[in-house]
Amino acid sequence: MKHRAKNTGIKCQHGMIDGLRKILEMVNSWPEVRSIIPGEIRPSKGPGSRLSLKVQYPTATGLKLLAKTGIAVQEVFLVTDAPAVVQARIESYEMNQP
């Protein structure tokens, strides 16, 4: 699997916004998550400086997430057979609290 970090299911073809790798490594340790594919980084139009990770919608293979900071937004795709379980875990994660 080209572009995969050693011993992880995280694809590293694109860069990642600051702080995202640590969170994705934690999510990758969940037994329901088979693979993580970060997308391109785009400039953010909204305010805020803290990193947040939100589920945008389910996909055919899992979930599409958005990771946001005050200056950037990045799509993240999770491959999972249990999207509802993973979504609940992400939504309850303390990083997303105001």
PDB file of N, CA and C in Angstrom:
ATOM      1  N   MET A   1       0.841  -1.173   0.000  1.00  0.00           N
ATOM      2  CA  MET A   1       0.000   0.000   0.000  1.00  0.00           C
ATOM      3  C   MET A   1       0.891   1.243   0.000  1.00  0.00           C
ATOM      4  N   LYS A   2       1.016   1.844  -1.141  1.00  0.00           N
ATOM      5  CA  LYS A   2       1.836   3.027  -1.280  1.00  0.00           C
ATOM      6  C   LYS A   2       1.251   4.192  -0.475  1.00  0.00           C
ATOM      7  N   HIS A   3       2.111   5.018   0.074  1.00  0.00           N
ATOM      8  CA  HIS A   3       1.747   6.214   0.847  1.00  0.00           C
ATOM      9  C   HIS A   3       1.155   5.906   2.223  1.00  0.00           C
ATOM     10  N   ARG A   4       1.305   4.716   2.733  1.00  0.00           N
ATOM     11  CA  ARG A   4       0.803   4.392   4.073  1.00  0.00           C
ATOM     12  C   ARG A   4       1.947   4.517   5.073  1.00  0.00           C
ATOM     13  N   ALA A   5       1.645   5.104   6.223  1.00  0.00           N
ATOM     14  CA  ALA A   5       2.635   5.186   7.290  1.00  0.00           C
ATOM     15  C   ALA A   5       2.888   3.770   7.803  1.00  0.00           C
ATOM     16  N   LYS A   6       4.111   3.510   8.251  1.00  0.00           N
ATOM     17  CA  LYS A   6       4.445   2.181   8.744  1.00  0.00           C
ATOM     18  C   LYS A   6       3.529   1.778   9.890  1.00  0.00           C
ATOM     19  N   ASN A   7       3.034   0.548   9.819  1.00  0.00           N
ATOM     20  CA  ASN A   7       2.221  -0.065  10.870  1.00  0.00           C
ATOM     21  C   ASN A   7       0.946   0.711  11.208  1.00  0.00           C
ATOM     22  N   THR A   8       0.432   1.502  10.269  1.00  0.00           N
ATOM     23  CA  THR A   8      -0.837   2.187  10.509  1.00  0.00           C
ATOM     24  C   THR A   8      -1.719   2.051   9.285  1.00  0.00           C
ATOM     25  N   GLY A   9      -2.971   2.391   9.451  1.00  0.00           N
ATOM     26  CA  GLY A   9      -3.910   2.401   8.337  1.00  0.00           C
ATOM     27  C   GLY A   9      -4.144   3.809   7.831  1.00  0.00           C
ATOM     28  N   ILE A  10      -3.209   4.737   8.133  1.00  0.00           N
ATOM     29  CA  ILE A  10      -3.367   6.132   7.721  1.00  0.00           C
ATOM     30  C   ILE A  10      -2.586   6.366   6.438  1.00  0.00           C
ATOM     31  N   LYS A  11      -3.282   6.789   5.411  1.00  0.00           N
ATOM     32  CA  LYS A  11      -2.643   7.095   4.148  1.00  0.00           C
ATOM     33  C   LYS A  11      -1.985   8.472   4.251  1.00  0.00           C
ATOM     34  N   CYS A  12      -0.770   8.608   3.770  1.00  0.00           N
ATOM     35  CA  CYS A  12      -0.007   9.848   3.934  1.00  0.00           C
ATOM     36  C   CYS A  12       0.357  10.481   2.598  1.00  0.00           C
ATOM     37  N   GLN A  13      -0.561  10.475   1.642  1.00  0.00           N
ATOM     38  CA  GLN A  13      -0.297  11.067   0.334  1.00  0.00           C
ATOM     39  C   GLN A  13      -0.311  12.588   0.419  1.00  0.00           C
ATOM     40  N   HIS A  14      -1.187  13.141   1.242  1.00  0.00           N
ATOM     41  CA  HIS A  14      -1.280  14.585   1.432  1.00  0.00           C
ATOM     42  C   HIS A  14      -0.719  14.941   2.799  1.00  0.00           C
ATOM     43  N   GLY A  15      -0.438  16.219   3.005  1.00  0.00           N
ATOM     44  CA  GLY A  15      -0.060  16.692   4.324  1.00  0.00           C
ATOM     45  C   GLY A  15      -1.282  16.710   5.228  1.00  0.00           C
ATOM     46  N   MET A  16      -1.075  17.091   6.482  1.00  0.00           N
ATOM     47  CA  MET A  16      -2.199  17.180   7.424  1.00  0.00           C
ATOM     48  C   MET A  16      -2.109  18.491   8.178  1.00  0.00           C
ATOM     49  N   ILE A  17      -3.276  19.029   8.540  1.00  0.00           N
ATOM     50  CA  ILE A  17      -3.284  20.257   9.315  1.00  0.00           C
ATOM     51  C   ILE A  17      -2.722  19.966  10.707  1.00  0.00           C
ATOM     52  N   ASP A  18      -2.218  20.996  11.353  1.00  0.00           N
ATOM     53  CA  ASP A  18      -1.562  20.845  12.652  1.00  0.00           C
ATOM     54  C   ASP A  18      -2.469  20.159  13.666  1.00  0.00           C
ATOM     55  N   GLY A  19      -1.931  19.145  14.317  1.00  0.00           N
ATOM     56  CA  GLY A  19      -2.646  18.429  15.363  1.00  0.00           C
ATOM     57  C   GLY A  19      -3.507  17.276  14.878  1.00  0.00           C
ATOM     58  N   LEU A  20      -3.747  17.174  13.579  1.00  0.00           N
ATOM     59  CA  LEU A  20      -4.652  16.146  13.061  1.00  0.00           C
ATOM     60  C   LEU A  20      -4.042  14.751  13.127  1.00  0.00           C
ATOM     61  N   ARG A  21      -2.758  14.617  12.859  1.00  0.00           N
ATOM     62  CA  ARG A  21      -2.127  13.290  12.836  1.00  0.00           C
ATOM     63  C   ARG A  21      -2.315  12.571  14.178  1.00  0.00           C
ATOM     64  N   LYS A  22      -2.116  13.277  15.283  1.00  0.00           N
ATOM     65  CA  LYS A  22      -2.252  12.668  16.609  1.00  0.00           C
ATOM     66  C   LYS A  22      -3.670  12.128  16.815  1.00  0.00           C
ATOM     67  N   ILE A  23      -4.659  12.884  16.398  1.00  0.00           N
ATOM     68  CA  ILE A  23      -6.055  12.460  16.541  1.00  0.00           C
ATOM     69  C   ILE A  23      -6.348  11.269  15.637  1.00  0.00           C
ATOM     70  N   LEU A  24      -5.846  11.311  14.402  1.00  0.00           N
ATOM     71  CA  LEU A  24      -6.100  10.203  13.483  1.00  0.00           C
ATOM     72  C   LEU A  24      -5.421   8.923  13.950  1.00  0.00           C
ATOM     73  N   GLU A  25      -4.253   9.036  14.574  1.00  0.00           N
ATOM     74  CA  GLU A  25      -3.597   7.849  15.117  1.00  0.00           C
ATOM     75  C   GLU A  25      -4.445   7.223  16.223  1.00  0.00           C
ATOM     76  N   MET A  26      -5.087   8.062  17.037  1.00  0.00           N
ATOM     77  CA  MET A  26      -5.963   7.562  18.077  1.00  0.00           C
ATOM     78  C   MET A  26      -7.204   6.886  17.457  1.00  0.00           C
ATOM     79  N   VAL A  27      -7.796   7.532  16.471  1.00  0.00           N
ATOM     80  CA  VAL A  27      -8.968   6.971  15.792  1.00  0.00           C
ATOM     81  C   VAL A  27      -8.595   5.667  15.087  1.00  0.00           C
ATOM     82  N   ASN A  28      -7.404   5.606  14.517  1.00  0.00           N
ATOM     83  CA  ASN A  28      -6.943   4.412  13.820  1.00  0.00           C
ATOM     84  C   ASN A  28      -6.811   3.213  14.760  1.00  0.00           C
ATOM     85  N   SER A  29      -6.635   3.465  16.049  1.00  0.00           N
ATOM     86  CA  SER A  29      -6.506   2.371  17.012  1.00  0.00           C
ATOM     87  C   SER A  29      -7.853   1.726  17.344  1.00  0.00           C
ATOM     88  N   TRP A  30      -8.955   2.362  16.979  1.00  0.00           N
ATOM     89  CA  TRP A  30     -10.274   1.804  17.233  1.00  0.00           C
ATOM     90  C   TRP A  30     -10.461   0.565  16.359  1.00  0.00           C
ATOM     91  N   PRO A  31     -10.996  -0.517  16.909  1.00  0.00           N
ATOM     92  CA  PRO A  31     -11.131  -1.752  16.126  1.00  0.00           C
ATOM     93  C   PRO A  31     -12.089  -1.633  14.941  1.00  0.00           C
ATOM     94  N   GLU A  32     -13.025  -0.684  14.981  1.00  0.00           N
ATOM     95  CA  GLU A  32     -13.993  -0.533  13.885  1.00  0.00           C
ATOM     96  C   GLU A  32     -13.398   0.158  12.658  1.00  0.00           C
ATOM     97  N   VAL A  33     -12.277   0.844  12.813  1.00  0.00           N
ATOM     98  CA  VAL A  33     -11.687   1.628  11.724  1.00  0.00           C
ATOM     99  C   VAL A  33     -10.645   0.782  10.988  1.00  0.00           C
ATOM    100  N   ARG A  34     -10.861   0.616   9.668  1.00  0.00           N
ATOM    101  CA  ARG A  34      -9.923  -0.175   8.860  1.00  0.00           C
ATOM    102  C   ARG A  34      -8.885   0.682   8.174  1.00  0.00           C
ATOM    103  N   SER A  35      -9.249   1.902   7.780  1.00  0.00           N
ATOM    104  CA  SER A  35      -8.318   2.746   7.045  1.00  0.00           C
ATOM    105  C   SER A  35      -8.740   4.211   7.186  1.00  0.00           C
ATOM    106  N   ILE A  36      -7.744   5.117   7.102  1.00  0.00           N
ATOM    107  CA  ILE A  36      -8.003   6.552   7.170  1.00  0.00           C
ATOM    108  C   ILE A  36      -7.309   7.210   5.989  1.00  0.00           C
ATOM    109  N   ILE A  37      -8.053   8.042   5.261  1.00  0.00           N
ATOM    110  CA  ILE A  37      -7.518   8.693   4.069  1.00  0.00           C
ATOM    111  C   ILE A  37      -7.739  10.200   4.181  1.00  0.00           C
ATOM    112  N   PRO A  38      -6.709  10.964   4.584  1.00  0.00           N
ATOM    113  CA  PRO A  38      -6.834  12.421   4.627  1.00  0.00           C
ATOM    114  C   PRO A  38      -6.841  12.978   3.200  1.00  0.00           C
ATOM    115  N   GLY A  39      -7.642  14.004   2.971  1.00  0.00           N
ATOM    116  CA  GLY A  39      -7.716  14.644   1.663  1.00  0.00           C
ATOM    117  C   GLY A  39      -6.883  15.907   1.608  1.00  0.00           C
ATOM    118  N   GLU A  40      -7.169  16.722   0.619  1.00  0.00           N
ATOM    119  CA  GLU A  40      -6.433  17.969   0.438  1.00  0.00           C
ATOM    120  C   GLU A  40      -6.778  18.980   1.523  1.00  0.00           C
ATOM    121  N   ILE A  41      -5.839  19.883   1.757  1.00  0.00           N
ATOM    122  CA  ILE A  41      -6.035  20.970   2.714  1.00  0.00           C
ATOM    123  C   ILE A  41      -6.449  22.208   1.932  1.00  0.00           C
ATOM    124  N   ARG A  42      -7.512  22.872   2.403  1.00  0.00           N
ATOM    125  CA  ARG A  42      -7.980  24.109   1.766  1.00  0.00           C
ATOM    126  C   ARG A  42      -8.019  25.216   2.812  1.00  0.00           C
ATOM    127  N   PRO A  43      -7.959  26.469   2.379  1.00  0.00           N
ATOM    128  CA  PRO A  43      -8.099  27.576   3.337  1.00  0.00           C
ATOM    129  C   PRO A  43      -9.487  27.564   3.968  1.00  0.00           C
ATOM    130  N   SER A  44      -9.565  27.953   5.226  1.00  0.00           N
ATOM    131  CA  SER A  44     -10.827  28.009   5.942  1.00  0.00           C
ATOM    132  C   SER A  44     -11.415  29.406   5.841  1.00  0.00           C
ATOM    133  N   LYS A  45     -12.739  29.478   5.778  1.00  0.00           N
ATOM    134  CA  LYS A  45     -13.403  30.777   5.707  1.00  0.00           C
ATOM    135  C   LYS A  45     -14.011  31.175   7.040  1.00  0.00           C
ATOM    136  N   GLY A  46     -14.069  30.242   7.976  1.00  0.00           N
ATOM    137  CA  GLY A  46     -14.731  30.517   9.246  1.00  0.00           C
ATOM    138  C   GLY A  46     -13.756  30.895  10.346  1.00  0.00           C
ATOM    139  N   PRO A  47     -14.287  31.427  11.429  1.00  0.00           N
ATOM    140  CA  PRO A  47     -13.443  31.782  12.565  1.00  0.00           C
ATOM    141  C   PRO A  47     -13.083  30.548  13.388  1.00  0.00           C
ATOM    142  N   GLY A  48     -12.208  30.738  14.329  1.00  0.00           N
ATOM    143  CA  GLY A  48     -11.840  29.664  15.241  1.00  0.00           C
ATOM    144  C   GLY A  48     -10.391  29.287  15.085  1.00  0.00           C
ATOM    145  N   SER A  49      -9.791  28.833  16.167  1.00  0.00           N
ATOM    146  CA  SER A  49      -8.391  28.461  16.103  1.00  0.00           C
ATOM    147  C   SER A  49      -8.173  27.031  16.570  1.00  0.00           C
ATOM    148  N   ARG A  50      -9.130  26.483  17.328  1.00  0.00           N
ATOM    149  CA  ARG A  50      -9.002  25.109  17.803  1.00  0.00           C
ATOM    150  C   ARG A  50      -9.340  24.118  16.709  1.00  0.00           C
ATOM    151  N   LEU A  51      -8.648  23.002  16.726  1.00  0.00           N
ATOM    152  CA  LEU A  51      -8.930  21.926  15.789  1.00  0.00           C
ATOM    153  C   LEU A  51     -10.239  21.255  16.178  1.00  0.00           C
ATOM    154  N   SER A  52     -11.118  21.075  15.201  1.00  0.00           N
ATOM    155  CA  SER A  52     -12.355  20.328  15.441  1.00  0.00           C
ATOM    156  C   SER A  52     -12.499  19.269  14.362  1.00  0.00           C
ATOM    157  N   LEU A  53     -13.127  18.173  14.727  1.00  0.00           N
ATOM    158  CA  LEU A  53     -13.336  17.062  13.809  1.00  0.00           C
ATOM    159  C   LEU A  53     -14.824  16.732  13.838  1.00  0.00           C
ATOM    160  N   LYS A  54     -15.486  16.886  12.710  1.00  0.00           N
ATOM    161  CA  LYS A  54     -16.937  16.677  12.625  1.00  0.00           C
ATOM    162  C   LYS A  54     -17.249  15.665  11.529  1.00  0.00           C
ATOM    163  N   VAL A  55     -18.249  14.832  11.784  1.00  0.00           N
ATOM    164  CA  VAL A  55     -18.738  13.906  10.766  1.00  0.00           C
ATOM    165  C   VAL A  55     -19.598  14.711   9.811  1.00  0.00           C
ATOM    166  N   GLN A  56     -19.279  14.636   8.511  1.00  0.00           N
ATOM    167  CA  GLN A  56     -20.076  15.356   7.524  1.00  0.00           C
ATOM    168  C   GLN A  56     -21.217  14.475   7.013  1.00  0.00           C
ATOM    169  N   TYR A  57     -20.900  13.257   6.570  1.00  0.00           N
ATOM    170  CA  TYR A  57     -21.945  12.334   6.132  1.00  0.00           C
ATOM    171  C   TYR A  57     -21.372  10.926   5.941  1.00  0.00           C
ATOM    172  N   PRO A  58     -22.251   9.906   5.947  1.00  0.00           N
ATOM    173  CA  PRO A  58     -21.801   8.541   5.670  1.00  0.00           C
ATOM    174  C   PRO A  58     -21.488   8.384   4.184  1.00  0.00           C
ATOM    175  N   THR A  59     -20.557   7.500   3.878  1.00  0.00           N
ATOM    176  CA  THR A  59     -20.218   7.175   2.495  1.00  0.00           C
ATOM    177  C   THR A  59     -20.471   5.682   2.277  1.00  0.00           C
ATOM    178  N   ALA A  60     -20.243   5.219   1.069  1.00  0.00           N
ATOM    179  CA  ALA A  60     -20.452   3.800   0.769  1.00  0.00           C
ATOM    180  C   ALA A  60     -19.500   2.907   1.562  1.00  0.00           C
ATOM    181  N   THR A  61     -18.327   3.436   1.932  1.00  0.00           N
ATOM    182  CA  THR A  61     -17.340   2.630   2.647  1.00  0.00           C
ATOM    183  C   THR A  61     -17.134   3.047   4.096  1.00  0.00           C
ATOM    184  N   GLY A  62     -17.821   4.080   4.555  1.00  0.00           N
ATOM    185  CA  GLY A  62     -17.624   4.518   5.935  1.00  0.00           C
ATOM    186  C   GLY A  62     -18.169   5.907   6.198  1.00  0.00           C
ATOM    187  N   LEU A  63     -17.250   6.851   6.498  1.00  0.00           N
ATOM    188  CA  LEU A  63     -17.649   8.215   6.855  1.00  0.00           C
ATOM    189  C   LEU A  63     -16.736   9.245   6.211  1.00  0.00           C
ATOM    190  N   LYS A  64     -17.316  10.421   5.926  1.00  0.00           N
ATOM    191  CA  LYS A  64     -16.528  11.576   5.520  1.00  0.00           C
ATOM    192  C   LYS A  64     -16.532  12.547   6.692  1.00  0.00           C
ATOM    193  N   LEU A  65     -15.343  12.986   7.108  1.00  0.00           N
ATOM    194  CA  LEU A  65     -15.192  13.926   8.201  1.00  0.00           C
ATOM    195  C   LEU A  65     -14.602  15.222   7.681  1.00  0.00           C
ATOM    196  N   LEU A  66     -14.780  16.297   8.445  1.00  0.00           N
ATOM    197  CA  LEU A  66     -14.094  17.558   8.178  1.00  0.00           C
ATOM    198  C   LEU A  66     -13.291  17.927   9.416  1.00  0.00           C
ATOM    199  N   ALA A  67     -12.008  18.161   9.198  1.00  0.00           N
ATOM    200  CA  ALA A  67     -11.130  18.662  10.254  1.00  0.00           C
ATOM    201  C   ALA A  67     -10.938  20.143   9.972  1.00  0.00           C
ATOM    202  N   LYS A  68     -11.220  21.002  10.970  1.00  0.00           N
ATOM    203  CA  LYS A  68     -11.161  22.446  10.756  1.00  0.00           C
ATOM    204  C   LYS A  68     -10.295  23.116  11.816  1.00  0.00           C
ATOM    205  N   THR A  69      -9.564  24.126  11.372  1.00  0.00           N
ATOM    206  CA  THR A  69      -8.905  25.069  12.267  1.00  0.00           C
ATOM    207  C   THR A  69      -9.319  26.453  11.783  1.00  0.00           C
ATOM    208  N   GLY A  70      -8.783  27.510  12.378  1.00  0.00           N
ATOM    209  CA  GLY A  70      -9.113  28.859  11.951  1.00  0.00           C
ATOM    210  C   GLY A  70      -8.569  29.206  10.582  1.00  0.00           C
ATOM    211  N   ILE A  71      -7.561  28.450  10.122  1.00  0.00           N
ATOM    212  CA  ILE A  71      -6.936  28.799   8.845  1.00  0.00           C
ATOM    213  C   ILE A  71      -7.055  27.727   7.776  1.00  0.00           C
ATOM    214  N   ALA A  72      -7.485  26.510   8.142  1.00  0.00           N
ATOM    215  CA  ALA A  72      -7.522  25.425   7.160  1.00  0.00           C
ATOM    216  C   ALA A  72      -8.662  24.458   7.448  1.00  0.00           C
ATOM    217  N   VAL A  73      -9.082  23.775   6.389  1.00  0.00           N
ATOM    218  CA  VAL A  73     -10.081  22.706   6.500  1.00  0.00           C
ATOM    219  C   VAL A  73      -9.576  21.535   5.652  1.00  0.00           C
ATOM    220  N   GLN A  74      -9.777  20.315   6.168  1.00  0.00           N
ATOM    221  CA  GLN A  74      -9.304  19.130   5.469  1.00  0.00           C
ATOM    222  C   GLN A  74     -10.360  18.042   5.551  1.00  0.00           C
ATOM    223  N   GLU A  75     -10.643  17.415   4.406  1.00  0.00           N
ATOM    224  CA  GLU A  75     -11.537  16.271   4.374  1.00  0.00           C
ATOM    225  C   GLU A  75     -10.764  15.047   4.854  1.00  0.00           C
ATOM    226  N   VAL A  76     -11.446  14.175   5.581  1.00  0.00           N
ATOM    227  CA  VAL A  76     -10.849  12.921   6.032  1.00  0.00           C
ATOM    228  C   VAL A  76     -11.878  11.827   5.799  1.00  0.00           C
ATOM    229  N   PHE A  77     -11.468  10.757   5.141  1.00  0.00           N
ATOM    230  CA  PHE A  77     -12.364   9.636   4.877  1.00  0.00           C
ATOM    231  C   PHE A  77     -11.964   8.458   5.751  1.00  0.00           C
ATOM    232  N   LEU A  78     -12.943   7.883   6.449  1.00  0.00           N
ATOM    233  CA  LEU A  78     -12.717   6.710   7.281  1.00  0.00           C
ATOM    234  C   LEU A  78     -13.370   5.508   6.617  1.00  0.00           C
ATOM    235  N   VAL A  79     -12.631   4.423   6.498  1.00  0.00           N
ATOM    236  CA  VAL A  79     -13.180   3.172   5.999  1.00  0.00           C
ATOM    237  C   VAL A  79     -13.520   2.329   7.219  1.00  0.00           C
ATOM    238  N   THR A  80     -14.807   1.987   7.351  1.00  0.00           N
ATOM    239  CA  THR A  80     -15.284   1.235   8.501  1.00  0.00           C
ATOM    240  C   THR A  80     -16.526   0.451   8.138  1.00  0.00           C
ATOM    241  N   ASP A  81     -16.704  -0.682   8.817  1.00  0.00           N
ATOM    242  CA  ASP A  81     -17.920  -1.468   8.648  1.00  0.00           C
ATOM    243  C   ASP A  81     -18.988  -1.063   9.659  1.00  0.00           C
ATOM    244  N   ALA A  82     -18.625  -0.187  10.610  1.00  0.00           N
ATOM    245  CA  ALA A  82     -19.560   0.247  11.659  1.00  0.00           C
ATOM    246  C   ALA A  82     -19.587   1.768  11.736  1.00  0.00           C
ATOM    247  N   PRO A  83     -20.104   2.444  10.695  1.00  0.00           N
ATOM    248  CA  PRO A  83     -20.075   3.906  10.688  1.00  0.00           C
ATOM    249  C   PRO A  83     -20.848   4.547  11.840  1.00  0.00           C
ATOM    250  N   ALA A  84     -21.949   3.957  12.268  1.00  0.00           N
ATOM    251  CA  ALA A  84     -22.727   4.537  13.367  1.00  0.00           C
ATOM    252  C   ALA A  84     -21.932   4.515  14.674  1.00  0.00           C
ATOM    253  N   VAL A  85     -21.215   3.443  14.922  1.00  0.00           N
ATOM    254  CA  VAL A  85     -20.403   3.324  16.136  1.00  0.00           C
ATOM    255  C   VAL A  85     -19.271   4.349  16.115  1.00  0.00           C
ATOM    256  N   VAL A  86     -18.585   4.453  14.984  1.00  0.00           N
ATOM    257  CA  VAL A  86     -17.474   5.394  14.859  1.00  0.00           C
ATOM    258  C   VAL A  86     -17.978   6.828  14.958  1.00  0.00           C
ATOM    259  N   GLN A  87     -19.106   7.124  14.326  1.00  0.00           N
ATOM    260  CA  GLN A  87     -19.673   8.471  14.399  1.00  0.00           C
ATOM    261  C   GLN A  87     -19.996   8.844  15.840  1.00  0.00           C
ATOM    262  N   ALA A  88     -20.582   7.950  16.588  1.00  0.00           N
ATOM    263  CA  ALA A  88     -20.909   8.229  17.989  1.00  0.00           C
ATOM    264  C   ALA A  88     -19.648   8.488  18.803  1.00  0.00           C
ATOM    265  N   ARG A  89     -18.592   7.733  18.552  1.00  0.00           N
ATOM    266  CA  ARG A  89     -17.336   7.933  19.281  1.00  0.00           C
ATOM    267  C   ARG A  89     -16.709   9.277  18.937  1.00  0.00           C
ATOM    268  N   ILE A  90     -16.751   9.662  17.672  1.00  0.00           N
ATOM    269  CA  ILE A  90     -16.173  10.946  17.265  1.00  0.00           C
ATOM    270  C   ILE A  90     -16.971  12.091  17.865  1.00  0.00           C
ATOM    271  N   GLU A  91     -18.285  11.999  17.835  1.00  0.00           N
ATOM    272  CA  GLU A  91     -19.129  13.076  18.358  1.00  0.00           C
ATOM    273  C   GLU A  91     -19.004  13.229  19.872  1.00  0.00           C
ATOM    274  N   SER A  92     -18.643  12.163  20.561  1.00  0.00           N
ATOM    275  CA  SER A  92     -18.487  12.255  22.014  1.00  0.00           C
ATOM    276  C   SER A  92     -17.065  12.619  22.426  1.00  0.00           C
ATOM    277  N   TYR A  93     -16.145  12.653  21.477  1.00  0.00           N
ATOM    278  CA  TYR A  93     -14.747  12.963  21.778  1.00  0.00           C
ATOM    279  C   TYR A  93     -14.642  14.395  22.317  1.00  0.00           C
ATOM    280  N   GLU A  94     -13.887  14.590  23.377  1.00  0.00           N
ATOM    281  CA  GLU A  94     -13.836  15.877  24.087  1.00  0.00           C
ATOM    282  C   GLU A  94     -13.330  17.037  23.236  1.00  0.00           C
ATOM    283  N   MET A  95     -12.568  16.768  22.192  1.00  0.00           N
ATOM    284  CA  MET A  95     -12.050  17.832  21.331  1.00  0.00           C
ATOM    285  C   MET A  95     -13.184  18.647  20.697  1.00  0.00           C
ATOM    286  N   ASN A  96     -14.330  18.018  20.481  1.00  0.00           N
ATOM    287  CA  ASN A  96     -15.437  18.688  19.802  1.00  0.00           C
ATOM    288  C   ASN A  96     -16.304  19.509  20.755  1.00  0.00           C
ATOM    289  N   GLN A  97     -15.990  19.501  22.028  1.00  0.00           N
ATOM    290  CA  GLN A  97     -16.768  20.275  22.998  1.00  0.00           C
ATOM    291  C   GLN A  97     -16.386  21.745  22.934  1.00  0.00           C
ATOM    292  N   PRO A  98     -17.338  22.668  23.115  1.00  0.00           N
ATOM    293  CA  PRO A  98     -17.031  24.104  23.054  1.00  0.00           C
ATOM    294  C   PRO A  98     -16.144  24.557  24.193  1.00  0.00           C
TER     295      PRO A  98
END
